[in-house]
Amino acid sequence: MKGMKLYLFGTGILLILYLAAEYYKPKATDWRPSYLKEDKIPFGLFVLNKECQSIFPETRIEVSRLPVYNTLKDKERKNTNYLIVAGALHVDELDYKELVKFMKAGNHVFIATFNTGDYLKDTLKLDINSSLNYGKKKSVPINFVNPSIKEKQPFVFDKGLGDLYFSKVDTSRATVLGRNEEGEVNFVKYTFGKGALYVLPNPQLLSNYALLSPEGAAYAAKALSYLPVAETLIWDENNTKGNMGDESLLRVLFKHDQLRWAYYLSIVSLLIFVLFEMKRRQRIIPVISQLRNSSVDFVRVVGKVYYQQRDNSDIASKKISYLLEFIRATYRLKTNAIDEELMAALISKSGGNESDIRHLFATIEEVSRPGRVTDYQLITLNKLIEKFYKQAQ
């Protein structure tokens, strides 16, 4: 009995020590790119939010979680800047038209994003690409074009912060404000009347991770210095936190008169149909259950396990491994190093679209970085891989 008490006492002490060690052990760094102004994680915008008053003195910060259209529609904005920092942009035709009216009235817009969205990409003729510096600690050096703010020594960041650039720019409309050491454009300006639109292909250059270094703080300050002194700065959170106050699934239908009336007509027609069909015209036909497909059940169970674990990184890693195996087996290409030589060979042999293939490998680089893979990144990766399979010869 005494031995049993000693055993339980020793086990209890070990359990307490284990719990204490788990509680006080250093927390792993969260590399999730949130771009939220209250987040202190590396790719949050807490530092930028705190330094806004020094960058934009005497400027009132107005936070908006509404789409651009709702934020600007029927509002006379003067002496105002609009800041959007997000991983991906959700701008449609209505949003873009309101932005153009906003800029032509003398206001300015600054966008920092990996993905401008299809509409803005087609309208501005902008394609974003990456240098794909696998294995390199430092990014490609970047600098400004304007001699008054250009540094003698270019800006160099780690973790690939400066690797993104515009592989396609309409120079007849855009003014180049920045380039990397290889001459590729990474900062542009579009003039609209008395205002302008500034586009930066990497929001991480404005993140906590970048701004906590003197070099990163200097680059962000100079990039944002293109925005003139204004009374108001609209800080967009619609592209990071999502919409607020307009959460209905039917908001798109009710936003347009034609769709709204089509919805009402469908409801009335359905009610009329139900009234006429309430009386059955034949005897009820018994329902015969279909034979169960055990393989489908198995797939569903496996799918639920992955969904519950939410291990996007593992799923992304497997999809990338299967893709590389497909490339090796189909095109006899070595995939030890994912570089320009591999992409050139793959474009030539597969017959796929060059822009799509480059976008695919840029996304692979993005999800391969340390940190959590978001649902949006995983969905984007899956769509690009499926598109490559369809185009492959």
Protein backbone atom coordinates (compact mmCIF):
# COMPACT_ATOMS: atom_id res chain seq x y z
CA MET A 1 0.00 0.00 0.00
CA LYS A 2 2.87 2.36 0.88
CA GLY A 3 4.54 1.60 -2.44
CA MET A 4 1.30 2.37 -4.27
CA LYS A 5 1.06 5.77 -2.50
CA LEU A 6 4.64 6.60 -3.45
CA TYR A 7 3.93 5.60 -7.03
CA LEU A 8 0.83 7.82 -7.22
CA PHE A 9 2.68 10.71 -5.55
CA GLY A 10 5.60 10.41 -7.99
CA THR A 11 3.23 10.21 -10.96
CA GLY A 12 1.39 13.30 -9.75
CA ILE A 13 4.66 15.26 -9.41
CA LEU A 14 5.77 14.22 -12.91
CA LEU A 15 2.37 15.21 -14.33
CA ILE A 16 2.55 18.64 -12.67
CA LEU A 17 6.10 19.18 -13.97
CA TYR A 18 5.03 18.15 -17.47
CA LEU A 19 2.03 20.53 -17.43
CA ALA A 20 4.21 23.37 -16.12
CA ALA A 21 6.79 22.75 -18.87
CA GLU A 22 4.08 22.72 -21.53
CA TYR A 23 2.54 25.91 -20.17
CA TYR A 24 5.79 27.88 -19.97
CA LYS A 25 7.50 26.59 -23.10
CA PRO A 26 7.98 29.25 -25.84
CA LYS A 27 5.08 29.49 -28.25
CA ALA A 28 5.77 28.75 -31.91
CA THR A 29 5.82 31.81 -34.16
CA ASP A 30 2.60 32.26 -36.10
CA TRP A 31 3.63 32.94 -39.70
CA ARG A 32 0.04 33.21 -40.88
CA PRO A 33 -0.34 36.25 -43.21
CA SER A 34 -3.35 37.96 -41.61
CA TYR A 35 -2.64 41.62 -42.59
CA LEU A 36 -4.83 42.77 -39.68
CA LYS A 37 -3.94 46.05 -37.97
CA GLU A 38 -4.37 44.57 -34.48
CA ASP A 39 -2.19 41.46 -35.10
CA LYS A 40 1.33 41.43 -33.66
CA ILE A 41 2.34 38.29 -35.57
CA PRO A 42 5.10 38.70 -38.22
CA PHE A 43 2.69 39.25 -41.09
CA GLY A 44 0.18 41.38 -39.20
CA LEU A 45 -0.03 45.18 -39.52
CA PHE A 46 0.17 46.24 -35.86
CA VAL A 47 3.34 48.31 -36.39
CA LEU A 48 1.98 50.01 -39.50
CA ASN A 49 -1.20 50.90 -37.63
CA LYS A 50 0.81 52.36 -34.73
CA GLU A 51 3.08 54.35 -37.05
CA CYS A 52 0.26 55.68 -39.22
CA GLN A 53 0.11 58.97 -37.33
CA SER A 54 3.82 59.57 -37.88
CA ILE A 55 3.60 58.60 -41.57
CA PHE A 56 0.34 60.52 -42.10
CA PRO A 57 0.37 63.32 -39.50
CA GLU A 58 -2.96 65.00 -38.71
CA THR A 59 -4.80 62.40 -40.77
CA ARG A 60 -8.00 60.81 -39.47
CA ILE A 61 -8.05 57.02 -39.84
CA GLU A 62 -11.40 55.59 -40.99
CA VAL A 63 -11.73 51.78 -40.94
CA SER A 64 -14.13 50.18 -43.44
CA ARG A 65 -15.23 46.55 -43.65
CA LEU A 66 -17.63 47.29 -46.49
CA PRO A 67 -16.81 46.63 -50.16
CA VAL A 68 -15.31 49.54 -52.10
CA TYR A 69 -18.65 50.17 -53.82
CA ASN A 70 -20.52 50.55 -50.50
CA THR A 71 -17.75 52.63 -48.96
CA LEU A 72 -17.58 55.20 -51.74
CA LYS A 73 -21.03 55.14 -53.40
CA ASP A 74 -22.89 58.50 -53.21
CA LYS A 75 -20.29 59.98 -50.87
CA GLU A 76 -18.39 63.11 -51.86
CA ARG A 77 -14.87 62.32 -50.74
CA LYS A 78 -12.27 65.07 -50.84
CA ASN A 79 -8.65 65.08 -49.71
CA THR A 80 -8.83 61.34 -48.89
CA ASN A 81 -6.46 58.37 -49.28
CA TYR A 82 -7.61 54.75 -49.57
CA LEU A 83 -5.27 52.01 -48.25
CA ILE A 84 -5.75 48.31 -49.07
CA VAL A 85 -3.22 45.76 -47.73
CA ALA A 86 -4.34 42.14 -48.28
CA GLY A 87 -3.24 38.78 -49.58
CA ALA A 88 -5.89 38.85 -52.30
CA LEU A 89 -8.14 41.59 -53.62
CA HIS A 90 -11.88 41.23 -54.31
CA VAL A 91 -12.74 44.07 -56.70
CA ASP A 92 -15.48 43.79 -59.33
CA GLU A 93 -16.59 46.18 -62.06
CA LEU A 94 -18.82 48.25 -59.75
CA ASP A 95 -16.04 48.60 -57.17
CA TYR A 96 -13.54 49.66 -59.84
CA LYS A 97 -15.86 52.32 -61.28
CA GLU A 98 -16.33 53.84 -57.83
CA LEU A 99 -12.54 53.80 -57.30
CA VAL A 100 -12.00 55.63 -60.60
CA LYS A 101 -14.59 58.30 -59.68
CA PHE A 102 -12.94 58.59 -56.27
CA MET A 103 -9.49 59.14 -57.81
CA LYS A 104 -10.67 61.52 -60.52
CA ALA A 105 -12.03 63.72 -57.72
CA GLY A 106 -8.43 64.20 -56.52
CA ASN A 107 -8.11 61.30 -54.08
CA HIS A 108 -5.47 58.55 -54.03
CA VAL A 109 -5.51 54.75 -53.62
CA PHE A 110 -2.63 52.54 -52.41
CA ILE A 111 -2.95 48.77 -52.94
CA ALA A 112 -0.47 46.16 -51.68
CA THR A 113 -1.48 42.60 -52.59
CA PHE A 114 -0.21 39.30 -54.01
CA ASN A 115 -3.36 38.86 -56.09
CA THR A 116 -5.16 41.83 -57.67
CA GLY A 117 -8.08 39.64 -58.81
CA ASP A 118 -9.13 38.86 -62.36
CA TYR A 119 -11.03 42.10 -63.04
CA LEU A 120 -8.28 44.47 -61.90
CA LYS A 121 -5.63 42.28 -63.54
CA ASP A 122 -7.40 42.45 -66.93
CA THR A 123 -8.32 46.13 -66.64
CA LEU A 124 -4.87 47.38 -65.62
CA LYS A 125 -3.04 44.68 -67.62
CA LEU A 126 -0.97 43.62 -64.60
CA ASP A 127 0.51 40.17 -64.00
CA ILE A 128 2.33 39.36 -60.74
CA ASN A 129 5.22 36.90 -60.74
CA SER A 130 7.99 35.78 -58.38
CA SER A 131 11.73 35.38 -58.73
CA LEU A 132 11.46 31.86 -57.19
CA ASN A 133 14.72 32.10 -55.26
CA TYR A 134 14.59 28.63 -53.72
CA GLY A 135 17.29 28.03 -51.16
CA LYS A 136 18.40 31.67 -50.98
CA LYS A 137 18.18 33.50 -47.65
CA LYS A 138 18.01 36.96 -49.20
CA SER A 139 15.55 38.37 -51.72
CA VAL A 140 16.43 40.07 -54.96
CA PRO A 141 17.52 43.66 -54.04
CA ILE A 142 14.88 46.30 -54.78
CA ASN A 143 14.92 50.09 -55.02
CA PHE A 144 12.94 53.11 -56.11
CA VAL A 145 13.30 54.78 -59.50
CA ASN A 146 12.87 58.39 -58.37
CA PRO A 147 16.41 59.79 -57.70
CA SER A 148 15.12 61.87 -54.77
CA ILE A 149 14.20 58.78 -52.72
CA LYS A 150 16.37 56.13 -54.37
CA GLU A 151 18.94 54.66 -51.98
CA LYS A 152 22.60 54.21 -52.90
CA GLN A 153 22.41 50.70 -51.52
CA PRO A 154 19.25 48.82 -52.61
CA PHE A 155 16.86 47.32 -50.09
CA VAL A 156 17.45 43.63 -49.37
CA PHE A 157 14.95 41.52 -47.39
CA ASP A 158 14.94 37.92 -46.26
CA LYS A 159 12.13 35.34 -46.56
CA GLY A 160 11.52 36.40 -50.16
CA LEU A 161 9.76 39.65 -49.22
CA GLY A 162 11.13 41.47 -52.24
CA ASP A 163 10.88 38.69 -54.80
CA LEU A 164 7.51 39.55 -56.32
CA TYR A 165 7.30 41.77 -59.38
CA PHE A 166 5.00 42.61 -62.29
CA SER A 167 5.78 40.31 -65.21
CA LYS A 168 3.35 42.31 -67.36
CA VAL A 169 2.87 46.09 -67.19
CA ASP A 170 1.11 48.44 -69.62
CA THR A 171 3.78 51.15 -69.68
CA SER A 172 1.56 53.37 -71.84
CA ARG A 173 -0.68 53.82 -68.79
CA ALA A 174 1.53 53.02 -65.81
CA THR A 175 4.44 54.99 -64.36
CA VAL A 176 7.20 52.78 -62.96
CA LEU A 177 8.14 53.76 -59.39
CA GLY A 178 10.30 50.80 -58.37
CA ARG A 179 12.37 47.97 -59.81
CA ASN A 180 14.43 45.07 -58.54
CA GLU A 181 18.11 44.52 -59.29
CA GLU A 182 17.20 42.48 -62.35
CA GLY A 183 15.25 45.41 -63.83
CA GLU A 184 11.80 43.97 -63.19
CA VAL A 185 9.04 46.38 -62.15
CA ASN A 186 7.76 46.02 -58.57
CA PHE A 187 5.94 49.32 -57.90
CA VAL A 188 3.67 51.24 -60.31
CA LYS A 189 1.42 54.28 -60.45
CA TYR A 190 -1.70 54.89 -62.58
CA THR A 191 -2.97 58.45 -62.94
CA PHE A 192 -6.73 59.07 -62.94
CA GLY A 193 -7.64 62.73 -63.32
CA LYS A 194 -6.34 64.61 -60.26
CA GLY A 195 -5.74 61.38 -58.31
CA ALA A 196 -3.69 58.23 -58.69
CA LEU A 197 -3.57 54.49 -58.00
CA TYR A 198 -0.39 52.93 -56.54
CA VAL A 199 0.08 49.16 -56.72
CA LEU A 200 2.70 47.16 -54.79
CA PRO A 201 2.82 43.38 -55.50
CA ASN A 202 3.86 42.32 -51.97
CA PRO A 203 1.84 43.30 -48.86
CA GLN A 204 4.48 41.71 -46.64
CA LEU A 205 6.72 44.73 -47.25
CA LEU A 206 4.28 46.64 -45.00
CA SER A 207 4.01 43.90 -42.35
CA ASN A 208 5.40 43.83 -38.81
CA TYR A 209 8.24 41.57 -39.93
CA ALA A 210 9.46 44.14 -42.46
CA LEU A 211 8.81 47.31 -40.44
CA LEU A 212 10.66 46.10 -37.33
CA SER A 213 13.93 46.37 -39.28
CA PRO A 214 15.36 49.84 -40.09
CA GLU A 215 15.62 48.93 -43.77
CA GLY A 216 12.03 47.72 -43.92
CA ALA A 217 10.72 50.77 -42.08
CA ALA A 218 12.58 53.07 -44.48
CA TYR A 219 11.20 51.27 -47.54
CA ALA A 220 7.60 51.34 -46.27
CA ALA A 221 7.83 55.02 -45.33
CA LYS A 222 9.17 55.97 -48.76
CA ALA A 223 6.61 53.84 -50.61
CA LEU A 224 3.72 55.34 -48.64
CA SER A 225 5.18 58.83 -49.02
CA TYR A 226 3.75 58.84 -52.55
CA LEU A 227 0.36 59.33 -50.90
CA PRO A 228 -0.19 63.06 -50.39
CA VAL A 229 -1.09 64.64 -47.04
CA ALA A 230 -4.83 64.08 -46.59
CA GLU A 231 -7.52 64.76 -44.03
CA THR A 232 -8.78 61.16 -44.06
CA LEU A 233 -7.24 57.73 -44.65
CA ILE A 234 -9.71 54.91 -45.35
CA TRP A 235 -8.18 51.66 -44.06
CA ASP A 236 -9.82 48.76 -45.90
CA GLU A 237 -10.58 45.61 -43.87
CA ASN A 238 -13.14 44.13 -46.27
CA ASN A 239 -10.39 42.18 -48.06
CA THR A 240 -8.96 40.82 -44.78
CA LYS A 241 -11.84 40.47 -42.30
CA GLY A 242 -14.66 40.25 -44.81
CA ASN A 243 -17.94 42.12 -45.10
CA MET A 244 -19.84 43.47 -42.11
CA GLY A 245 -23.52 44.42 -41.95
CA ASP A 246 -24.24 42.85 -45.32
CA GLU A 247 -23.87 39.15 -44.59
CA SER A 248 -26.96 37.85 -46.41
CA LEU A 249 -26.40 35.22 -49.08
CA LEU A 250 -28.99 37.05 -51.20
CA ARG A 251 -27.15 40.38 -51.12
CA VAL A 252 -26.02 39.99 -54.75
CA LEU A 253 -29.61 39.39 -55.90
CA PHE A 254 -30.99 42.39 -54.05
CA LYS A 255 -28.12 44.60 -55.19
CA HIS A 256 -29.41 44.62 -58.81
CA ASP A 257 -33.02 45.41 -59.80
CA GLN A 258 -33.16 42.79 -62.57
CA LEU A 259 -31.93 39.97 -60.33
CA ARG A 260 -34.24 41.05 -57.50
CA TRP A 261 -37.35 40.90 -59.73
CA ALA A 262 -36.20 37.57 -61.17
CA TYR A 263 -35.99 36.26 -57.59
CA TYR A 264 -39.51 37.47 -56.78
CA LEU A 265 -40.86 35.97 -60.02
CA SER A 266 -39.25 32.61 -59.20
CA ILE A 267 -40.85 32.57 -55.72
CA VAL A 268 -44.33 33.39 -57.11
CA SER A 269 -43.99 30.74 -59.85
CA LEU A 270 -42.93 28.13 -57.29
CA LEU A 271 -45.95 28.92 -55.09
CA ILE A 272 -48.34 28.62 -58.05
CA PHE A 273 -46.79 25.29 -59.03
CA VAL A 274 -47.15 23.94 -55.48
CA LEU A 275 -50.83 25.00 -55.31
CA PHE A 276 -51.66 23.20 -58.56
CA GLU A 277 -49.69 20.07 -57.67
CA MET A 278 -50.97 19.67 -54.09
CA LYS A 279 -53.45 16.99 -55.24
CA ARG A 280 -51.58 13.92 -56.43
CA ARG A 281 -52.59 12.49 -59.81
CA GLN A 282 -51.25 8.97 -59.22
CA ARG A 283 -50.51 6.46 -56.52
CA ILE A 284 -47.32 7.05 -54.55
CA ILE A 285 -44.40 5.16 -56.05
CA PRO A 286 -42.30 3.47 -53.37
CA VAL A 287 -38.75 4.67 -53.09
CA ILE A 288 -36.12 1.99 -53.64
CA SER A 289 -32.87 2.76 -51.87
CA GLN A 290 -29.77 2.71 -54.04
CA LEU A 291 -27.01 0.23 -53.34
CA ARG A 292 -24.44 1.77 -51.05
CA ASN A 293 -21.06 2.52 -52.57
CA SER A 294 -18.56 1.60 -49.86
CA SER A 295 -15.68 3.24 -51.74
CA VAL A 296 -17.54 6.56 -51.73
CA ASP A 297 -18.13 6.20 -47.96
CA PHE A 298 -14.42 5.53 -47.48
CA VAL A 299 -13.48 8.67 -49.42
CA ARG A 300 -15.96 10.71 -47.38
CA VAL A 301 -14.53 9.42 -44.10
CA VAL A 302 -10.96 10.23 -45.18
CA GLY A 303 -12.11 13.66 -46.37
CA LYS A 304 -13.80 14.38 -43.03
CA VAL A 305 -10.64 13.39 -41.15
CA TYR A 306 -8.55 15.84 -43.20
CA TYR A 307 -11.20 18.54 -42.82
CA GLN A 308 -11.39 18.12 -39.04
CA GLN A 309 -7.60 18.21 -38.68
CA ARG A 310 -7.44 21.36 -40.89
CA ASP A 311 -3.90 20.40 -41.79
CA ASN A 312 -3.73 22.47 -44.97
CA SER A 313 0.08 22.30 -45.02
CA ASP A 314 0.02 18.48 -45.20
CA ILE A 315 -2.60 18.49 -47.96
CA ALA A 316 -0.66 21.13 -49.94
CA SER A 317 2.58 19.15 -49.49
CA LYS A 318 0.95 15.96 -50.83
CA LYS A 319 -0.57 17.74 -53.84
CA ILE A 320 2.81 19.31 -54.66
CA SER A 321 4.54 15.90 -54.33
CA TYR A 322 1.98 14.24 -56.68
CA LEU A 323 2.40 17.12 -59.17
CA LEU A 324 6.20 16.78 -59.20
CA GLU A 325 5.89 12.99 -59.59
CA PHE A 326 3.54 13.56 -62.54
CA ILE A 327 6.09 15.92 -64.14
CA ARG A 328 8.92 13.42 -63.65
CA ALA A 329 6.90 10.48 -65.01
CA THR A 330 5.27 12.30 -67.93
CA TYR A 331 7.99 14.67 -69.18
CA ARG A 332 11.16 12.97 -67.88
CA LEU A 333 12.22 16.17 -66.10
CA LYS A 334 14.24 16.41 -62.91
CA THR A 335 12.40 18.26 -60.15
CA ASN A 336 15.20 18.38 -57.57
CA ALA A 337 15.48 22.14 -58.08
CA ILE A 338 12.45 24.22 -59.04
CA ASP A 339 14.07 26.95 -61.09
CA GLU A 340 13.79 28.83 -64.38
CA GLU A 341 15.34 25.91 -66.32
CA LEU A 342 12.66 23.50 -65.08
CA MET A 343 9.84 25.94 -65.85
CA ALA A 344 11.18 26.63 -69.36
CA ALA A 345 11.44 22.90 -70.08
CA LEU A 346 7.98 22.23 -68.65
CA ILE A 347 6.39 25.04 -70.68
CA SER A 348 8.01 23.66 -73.82
CA LYS A 349 7.10 20.00 -73.26
CA SER A 350 3.65 20.34 -71.71
CA GLY A 351 2.30 22.97 -74.10
CA GLY A 352 0.63 24.67 -71.15
CA ASN A 353 0.07 28.39 -70.77
CA GLU A 354 3.33 30.06 -69.63
CA SER A 355 1.57 32.55 -67.35
CA ASP A 356 -0.47 29.79 -65.66
CA ILE A 357 2.62 27.60 -65.10
CA ARG A 358 4.60 30.48 -63.64
CA HIS A 359 1.66 31.40 -61.41
CA LEU A 360 1.48 27.75 -60.28
CA PHE A 361 5.15 27.65 -59.24
CA ALA A 362 4.85 31.06 -57.56
CA THR A 363 1.96 29.67 -55.51
CA ILE A 364 3.98 26.53 -54.71
CA GLU A 365 6.76 28.77 -53.39
CA GLU A 366 4.26 30.73 -51.29
CA VAL A 367 2.67 27.69 -49.61
CA SER A 368 6.12 26.08 -49.11
CA ARG A 369 7.21 28.89 -46.82
CA PRO A 370 7.17 28.23 -43.06
CA GLY A 371 3.82 28.88 -41.46
CA ARG A 372 0.23 27.86 -41.75
CA VAL A 373 -1.33 27.43 -45.19
CA THR A 374 -4.66 29.25 -45.38
CA ASP A 375 -7.83 27.83 -46.96
CA TYR A 376 -7.55 30.42 -49.74
CA GLN A 377 -3.95 29.45 -50.54
CA LEU A 378 -4.88 25.73 -50.61
CA ILE A 379 -7.88 26.35 -52.87
CA THR A 380 -5.76 28.52 -55.22
CA LEU A 381 -3.05 25.83 -55.37
CA ASN A 382 -5.61 23.10 -56.13
CA LYS A 383 -7.22 25.15 -58.94
CA LEU A 384 -3.84 25.88 -60.56
CA ILE A 385 -2.76 22.21 -60.37
CA GLU A 386 -6.07 21.00 -61.86
CA LYS A 387 -5.76 23.61 -64.61
CA PHE A 388 -2.24 22.38 -65.39
CA TYR A 389 -3.45 18.76 -65.62
CA LYS A 390 -6.13 19.82 -68.12
CA GLN A 391 -3.65 21.80 -70.27
CA ALA A 392 -0.86 19.17 -70.13
CA GLN A 393 -0.21 17.25 -73.33
